[in-house]
Amino acid sequence: MKQRSEMESRTESQLERKLSQLKESLRNMGSAVLAYSGGVDSSFLLKVAVSVLGDRVLAVIARSATYPDEELSQAIELAEKLGARYVVIDTDELSDPRFSSNPPDRCYYCKHELFGKLSTIAHEKGFGRVIDGSNVDDLRDTRPGARAAAELSVSSPLKEAGLTKSEIRQLSRSAGLPTWSKPAQACLASRFPYGSQIVASELRKVAVAEGALRKLGFSQVRVRVHGETARVEVLPEELEELLSPGKRAAVVDELKKAGFFYVSIDLEGYRTGSMNEPLRAGPADSGA
């Protein structure tokens, strides 16, 4: 018991140091424009930034076909609860064939447009820096958007403070943020295999399908699109529920209503960036 208490104390002390480092970093910036989506990371960063910088932080929410309307509404609601200054801007990634053709570096073009617009806002309104909510865990996956951030001198205070996703959730819970347990979100374009054209109608279909799955009680969902087939990912511990006769039939019904002809279940369950798996496969893994 004593050993456990000492371990908990060290963990809490480490978190406090990271939080202090984050606050000091924001304080040194003086002012900032934040790429804010309403997800776990950017919501926590916004709360801390407001506590340190007050109205010298501006949250910018990008509205586009790749961002579900439900997420936009939730992001605005939370920003208002936090007393944060915010603006909503429109981005049109789909008009750029370098994005809509869905190459492996698709995210780079999206983030370059977004960060470019945020940099313009920062310059015009006199804010010192542009910041985003990337954390340490983002270093483990393919993140072309990080290259755009580096090119446009975007800072990632959470990552620089050494904060992981689990630590951000823990600190968010302590801070009373409703997003502490929010499932991980990602751009809807991440549901499509690289090389397949991304169009607004297909993005809407995914948004409807995933919304239906959440209403059926699944906490973390992805509907990956493979032509006319939906590949459903839920948490491994929820697979048994998904496969139960009544729930399975409901899932099939809802996804067919959304526009899919076939519904498949990924037996590995949900995992971040499953569409990146072919990119990570070595020569020996690339065959049948």
Protein backbone atom coordinates (compact mmCIF):
# COMPACT_ATOMS: atom_id res chain seq x y z
CA MET A 1 0.00 0.00 0.00
CA LYS A 2 2.83 2.36 0.91
CA GLN A 3 4.61 1.55 -2.37
CA ARG A 4 1.44 2.25 -4.34
CA SER A 5 0.98 5.56 -2.54
CA GLU A 6 4.54 6.56 -3.39
CA MET A 7 3.99 5.66 -7.04
CA GLU A 8 0.77 7.68 -7.16
CA SER A 9 2.56 10.63 -5.58
CA ARG A 10 5.34 10.47 -8.16
CA THR A 11 2.77 10.32 -10.96
CA GLU A 12 0.87 13.29 -9.59
CA SER A 13 4.09 15.22 -9.14
CA GLN A 14 5.10 14.45 -12.73
CA LEU A 15 1.72 15.63 -14.00
CA GLU A 16 1.99 18.82 -11.98
CA ARG A 17 5.42 19.52 -13.48
CA LYS A 18 4.11 18.99 -17.01
CA LEU A 19 1.10 21.20 -16.35
CA SER A 20 3.34 23.91 -14.94
CA GLN A 21 5.58 23.64 -18.00
CA LEU A 22 2.52 23.96 -20.25
CA LYS A 23 1.31 27.07 -18.44
CA GLU A 24 4.76 28.64 -18.52
CA SER A 25 5.05 27.97 -22.25
CA LEU A 26 1.69 29.64 -22.92
CA ARG A 27 2.57 32.55 -20.64
CA ASN A 28 5.79 33.14 -22.57
CA MET A 29 3.86 33.25 -25.86
CA GLY A 30 1.87 36.23 -24.63
CA SER A 31 -1.01 35.50 -27.01
CA ALA A 32 -2.05 32.72 -29.37
CA VAL A 33 -4.48 31.51 -32.01
CA LEU A 34 -5.54 27.92 -31.30
CA ALA A 35 -6.66 25.34 -33.86
CA TYR A 36 -9.66 24.13 -31.88
CA SER A 37 -11.88 21.15 -32.73
CA GLY A 38 -13.63 20.41 -29.45
CA GLY A 39 -11.73 17.12 -29.04
CA VAL A 40 -9.96 15.96 -25.89
CA ASP A 41 -6.64 17.64 -26.61
CA SER A 42 -7.62 21.02 -28.03
CA SER A 43 -10.37 21.42 -25.41
CA PHE A 44 -7.90 20.90 -22.58
CA LEU A 45 -5.40 23.21 -24.22
CA LEU A 46 -8.10 25.87 -24.64
CA LYS A 47 -9.09 25.69 -20.97
CA VAL A 48 -5.49 26.05 -19.80
CA ALA A 49 -4.80 28.81 -22.34
CA VAL A 50 -7.86 30.77 -21.19
CA SER A 51 -6.72 30.44 -17.56
CA VAL A 52 -3.26 31.77 -18.48
CA LEU A 53 -3.92 34.17 -21.34
CA GLY A 54 -7.58 35.14 -20.94
CA ASP A 55 -8.87 36.93 -24.03
CA ARG A 56 -5.37 36.85 -25.54
CA VAL A 57 -6.14 33.37 -26.89
CA LEU A 58 -8.49 32.97 -29.84
CA ALA A 59 -9.96 29.55 -30.64
CA VAL A 60 -10.56 28.99 -34.35
CA ILE A 61 -12.99 26.26 -35.40
CA ALA A 62 -12.76 25.08 -39.02
CA ARG A 63 -16.11 24.17 -40.54
CA SER A 64 -15.93 21.78 -43.51
CA ALA A 65 -17.46 18.67 -45.06
CA THR A 66 -14.89 16.55 -43.19
CA TYR A 67 -16.07 17.80 -39.78
CA PRO A 68 -19.46 16.52 -38.53
CA ASP A 69 -22.05 19.18 -37.66
CA GLU A 70 -22.52 17.52 -34.27
CA GLU A 71 -18.86 18.07 -33.45
CA LEU A 72 -19.06 21.71 -34.53
CA SER A 73 -22.03 22.36 -32.23
CA GLN A 74 -20.31 20.69 -29.29
CA ALA A 75 -17.09 22.63 -29.86
CA ILE A 76 -18.95 25.95 -29.88
CA GLU A 77 -20.92 25.04 -26.76
CA LEU A 78 -17.78 24.17 -24.81
CA ALA A 79 -15.88 27.26 -25.95
CA GLU A 80 -18.76 29.41 -24.68
CA LYS A 81 -18.83 27.55 -21.34
CA LEU A 82 -15.10 28.18 -20.95
CA GLY A 83 -15.59 31.87 -21.68
CA ALA A 84 -13.18 31.65 -24.60
CA ARG A 85 -13.04 33.94 -27.59
CA TYR A 86 -13.72 31.93 -30.74
CA VAL A 87 -14.47 32.27 -34.42
CA VAL A 88 -15.71 29.75 -36.99
CA ILE A 89 -14.06 29.78 -40.40
CA ASP A 90 -14.83 27.74 -43.51
CA THR A 91 -12.29 25.50 -45.20
CA ASP A 92 -12.82 23.67 -48.48
CA GLU A 93 -10.36 20.80 -48.65
CA LEU A 94 -12.45 18.93 -51.20
CA SER A 95 -11.80 21.60 -53.84
CA ASP A 96 -8.09 20.73 -53.74
CA PRO A 97 -7.43 17.59 -55.83
CA ARG A 98 -4.25 17.00 -53.81
CA PHE A 99 -6.57 16.34 -50.87
CA SER A 100 -9.68 14.88 -52.50
CA SER A 101 -7.66 12.28 -54.47
CA ASN A 102 -6.73 10.92 -51.02
CA PRO A 103 -2.97 10.37 -51.26
CA PRO A 104 -1.07 9.14 -48.17
CA ASP A 105 -0.03 12.74 -47.41
CA ARG A 106 -3.62 14.03 -47.72
CA CYS A 107 -3.50 15.46 -44.21
CA TYR A 108 -0.57 17.67 -45.13
CA TYR A 109 -2.64 19.69 -47.63
CA CYS A 110 -5.56 20.01 -45.24
CA LYS A 111 -3.40 21.19 -42.35
CA HIS A 112 -1.37 23.49 -44.59
CA GLU A 113 -4.56 25.28 -45.64
CA LEU A 114 -5.85 25.43 -42.06
CA PHE A 115 -2.62 26.59 -40.46
CA GLY A 116 -2.11 29.07 -43.29
CA LYS A 117 -5.48 30.64 -42.52
CA LEU A 118 -4.74 30.68 -38.80
CA SER A 119 -1.38 32.32 -39.43
CA THR A 120 -3.14 35.04 -41.41
CA ILE A 121 -5.62 35.58 -38.58
CA ALA A 122 -2.79 35.75 -36.05
CA HIS A 123 -0.94 38.31 -38.16
CA GLU A 124 -3.98 40.48 -38.85
CA LYS A 125 -5.23 40.46 -35.25
CA GLY A 126 -1.84 40.75 -33.57
CA PHE A 127 -1.58 37.34 -31.89
CA GLY A 128 1.89 36.03 -31.15
CA ARG A 129 1.67 32.35 -32.07
CA VAL A 130 -0.43 29.68 -33.74
CA ILE A 131 -0.82 26.55 -31.61
CA ASP A 132 -2.48 23.14 -31.95
CA GLY A 133 -3.41 20.24 -29.68
CA SER A 134 -0.93 17.60 -30.84
CA ASN A 135 0.39 15.42 -28.02
CA VAL A 136 3.26 12.97 -27.50
CA ASP A 137 1.20 9.98 -28.68
CA ASP A 138 0.82 11.57 -32.12
CA LEU A 139 4.48 10.80 -32.75
CA ARG A 140 3.61 7.08 -32.95
CA ASP A 141 1.42 7.25 -36.06
CA THR A 142 1.72 8.60 -39.60
CA ARG A 143 1.00 12.35 -39.27
CA PRO A 144 1.69 14.29 -42.49
CA GLY A 145 -0.02 17.28 -40.89
CA ALA A 146 2.94 17.63 -38.56
CA ARG A 147 5.06 18.62 -41.56
CA ALA A 148 2.66 21.44 -42.36
CA ALA A 149 2.79 22.57 -38.74
CA ALA A 150 6.60 22.65 -38.83
CA GLU A 151 6.67 24.57 -42.13
CA LEU A 152 4.28 27.22 -40.80
CA SER A 153 5.92 27.46 -37.34
CA VAL A 154 2.89 26.12 -35.48
CA SER A 155 3.64 25.21 -31.86
CA SER A 156 2.29 22.15 -30.05
CA PRO A 157 2.45 23.07 -26.34
CA LEU A 158 0.97 19.75 -25.13
CA LYS A 159 3.58 17.77 -27.01
CA GLU A 160 6.35 20.10 -25.90
CA ALA A 161 5.28 19.61 -22.27
CA GLY A 162 5.55 15.83 -22.76
CA LEU A 163 1.85 15.17 -22.22
CA THR A 164 0.30 11.92 -23.46
CA LYS A 165 -3.35 11.37 -24.34
CA SER A 166 -4.02 9.47 -21.12
CA GLU A 167 -2.42 12.24 -19.06
CA ILE A 168 -4.50 14.87 -20.87
CA ARG A 169 -7.64 12.87 -20.08
CA GLN A 170 -6.60 12.65 -16.43
CA LEU A 171 -5.92 16.37 -16.18
CA SER A 172 -9.14 17.14 -18.07
CA ARG A 173 -11.11 15.09 -15.57
CA SER A 174 -9.49 16.89 -12.66
CA ALA A 175 -10.34 20.20 -14.34
CA GLY A 176 -13.99 19.23 -14.75
CA LEU A 177 -13.94 19.14 -18.53
CA PRO A 178 -16.73 17.02 -20.08
CA THR A 179 -14.33 15.98 -22.84
CA TRP A 180 -12.11 13.94 -20.50
CA SER A 181 -13.87 10.73 -21.54
CA LYS A 182 -14.78 11.78 -25.08
CA PRO A 183 -13.91 9.13 -27.69
CA ALA A 184 -11.02 9.96 -30.00
CA GLN A 185 -12.14 11.80 -33.10
CA ALA A 186 -10.54 12.13 -36.51
CA CYS A 187 -11.25 13.80 -39.82
CA LEU A 188 -13.95 11.89 -41.71
CA ALA A 189 -11.58 11.60 -44.67
CA SER A 190 -9.61 9.05 -42.62
CA ARG A 191 -12.37 6.50 -43.26
CA PHE A 192 -11.37 5.97 -46.90
CA PRO A 193 -8.53 3.87 -48.38
CA TYR A 194 -5.73 5.92 -49.85
CA GLY A 195 -6.26 6.57 -53.55
CA SER A 196 -10.06 6.52 -53.39
CA GLN A 197 -11.78 9.80 -54.26
CA ILE A 198 -13.26 11.69 -51.33
CA VAL A 199 -16.59 13.38 -52.05
CA ALA A 200 -19.02 15.24 -49.81
CA SER A 201 -21.86 12.72 -50.24
CA GLU A 202 -19.66 9.86 -49.00
CA LEU A 203 -18.48 11.92 -46.03
CA ARG A 204 -22.10 12.59 -45.07
CA LYS A 205 -22.87 8.88 -45.35
CA VAL A 206 -20.07 8.07 -42.91
CA ALA A 207 -21.22 10.77 -40.49
CA VAL A 208 -24.77 9.39 -40.51
CA ALA A 209 -23.57 5.79 -40.06
CA GLU A 210 -21.25 6.58 -37.16
CA GLY A 211 -23.90 8.72 -35.51
CA ALA A 212 -26.31 5.77 -35.69
CA LEU A 213 -23.75 3.45 -34.09
CA ARG A 214 -23.22 5.86 -31.21
CA LYS A 215 -26.98 6.07 -30.67
CA LEU A 216 -27.01 2.27 -30.47
CA GLY A 217 -24.67 2.56 -27.49
CA PHE A 218 -21.19 2.00 -28.92
CA SER A 219 -18.67 4.34 -27.33
CA GLN A 220 -15.86 4.39 -29.91
CA VAL A 221 -16.72 3.73 -33.54
CA ARG A 222 -15.29 4.00 -37.03
CA VAL A 223 -17.05 3.16 -40.29
CA ARG A 224 -14.32 2.55 -42.85
CA VAL A 225 -15.49 2.71 -46.46
CA HIS A 226 -14.48 0.09 -49.00
CA GLY A 227 -16.64 0.82 -52.04
CA GLU A 228 -20.18 -0.28 -51.21
CA THR A 229 -19.02 -2.04 -48.04
CA ALA A 230 -18.81 -0.55 -44.55
CA ARG A 231 -16.10 -2.02 -42.30
CA VAL A 232 -17.24 -1.36 -38.75
CA GLU A 233 -14.74 -0.90 -35.93
CA VAL A 234 -15.83 -0.81 -32.29
CA LEU A 235 -13.81 -1.32 -29.13
CA PRO A 236 -12.70 -4.97 -28.73
CA GLU A 237 -14.67 -5.23 -25.49
CA GLU A 238 -17.82 -4.19 -27.36
CA LEU A 239 -17.48 -6.76 -30.15
CA GLU A 240 -19.55 -9.35 -28.29
CA GLU A 241 -22.39 -6.87 -27.95
CA LEU A 242 -22.12 -5.92 -31.62
CA LEU A 243 -22.36 -9.60 -32.61
CA SER A 244 -25.41 -10.29 -30.45
CA PRO A 245 -28.38 -11.07 -32.75
CA GLY A 246 -30.53 -8.07 -31.89
CA LYS A 247 -27.76 -5.49 -31.96
CA ARG A 248 -26.15 -6.93 -35.09
CA ALA A 249 -29.46 -6.71 -36.95
CA ALA A 250 -29.93 -3.10 -35.80
CA VAL A 251 -26.43 -2.16 -36.96
CA VAL A 252 -26.97 -3.71 -40.38
CA ASP A 253 -30.32 -1.94 -40.72
CA GLU A 254 -28.92 1.48 -39.78
CA LEU A 255 -25.89 1.25 -42.04
CA LYS A 256 -27.99 0.14 -44.99
CA LYS A 257 -30.28 3.10 -44.33
CA ALA A 258 -27.17 5.29 -44.44
CA GLY A 259 -26.45 4.02 -47.95
CA PHE A 260 -24.17 1.00 -47.66
CA PHE A 261 -25.01 -2.22 -49.49
CA TYR A 262 -22.82 -4.48 -47.34
CA VAL A 263 -21.82 -4.33 -43.69
CA SER A 264 -18.72 -6.09 -42.32
CA ILE A 265 -17.23 -6.18 -38.83
CA ASP A 266 -13.50 -5.74 -38.22
CA LEU A 267 -12.65 -8.47 -35.71
CA GLU A 268 -9.54 -6.60 -34.52
CA GLY A 269 -11.79 -3.84 -33.29
CA TYR A 270 -11.14 -0.13 -33.19
CA ARG A 271 -7.55 1.12 -33.42
CA THR A 272 -6.15 4.48 -34.37
CA GLY A 273 -5.16 4.91 -38.00
CA SER A 274 -6.12 1.48 -39.31
CA MET A 275 -6.07 2.89 -42.85
CA ASN A 276 -2.35 3.52 -42.35
CA GLU A 277 -1.59 -0.16 -41.82
CA PRO A 278 -0.82 -0.84 -45.52
CA LEU A 279 1.70 2.04 -45.40
CA ARG A 280 3.51 0.43 -42.47
CA ALA A 281 3.58 -3.06 -44.01
CA GLY A 282 7.05 -4.20 -45.05
CA PRO A 283 7.89 -5.99 -48.32
CA ALA A 284 7.18 -9.37 -46.77
CA ASP A 285 3.75 -8.21 -45.63
CA SER A 286 2.61 -6.75 -48.93
CA GLY A 287 1.48 -9.93 -50.61
CA ALA A 288 -1.76 -11.85 -50.16
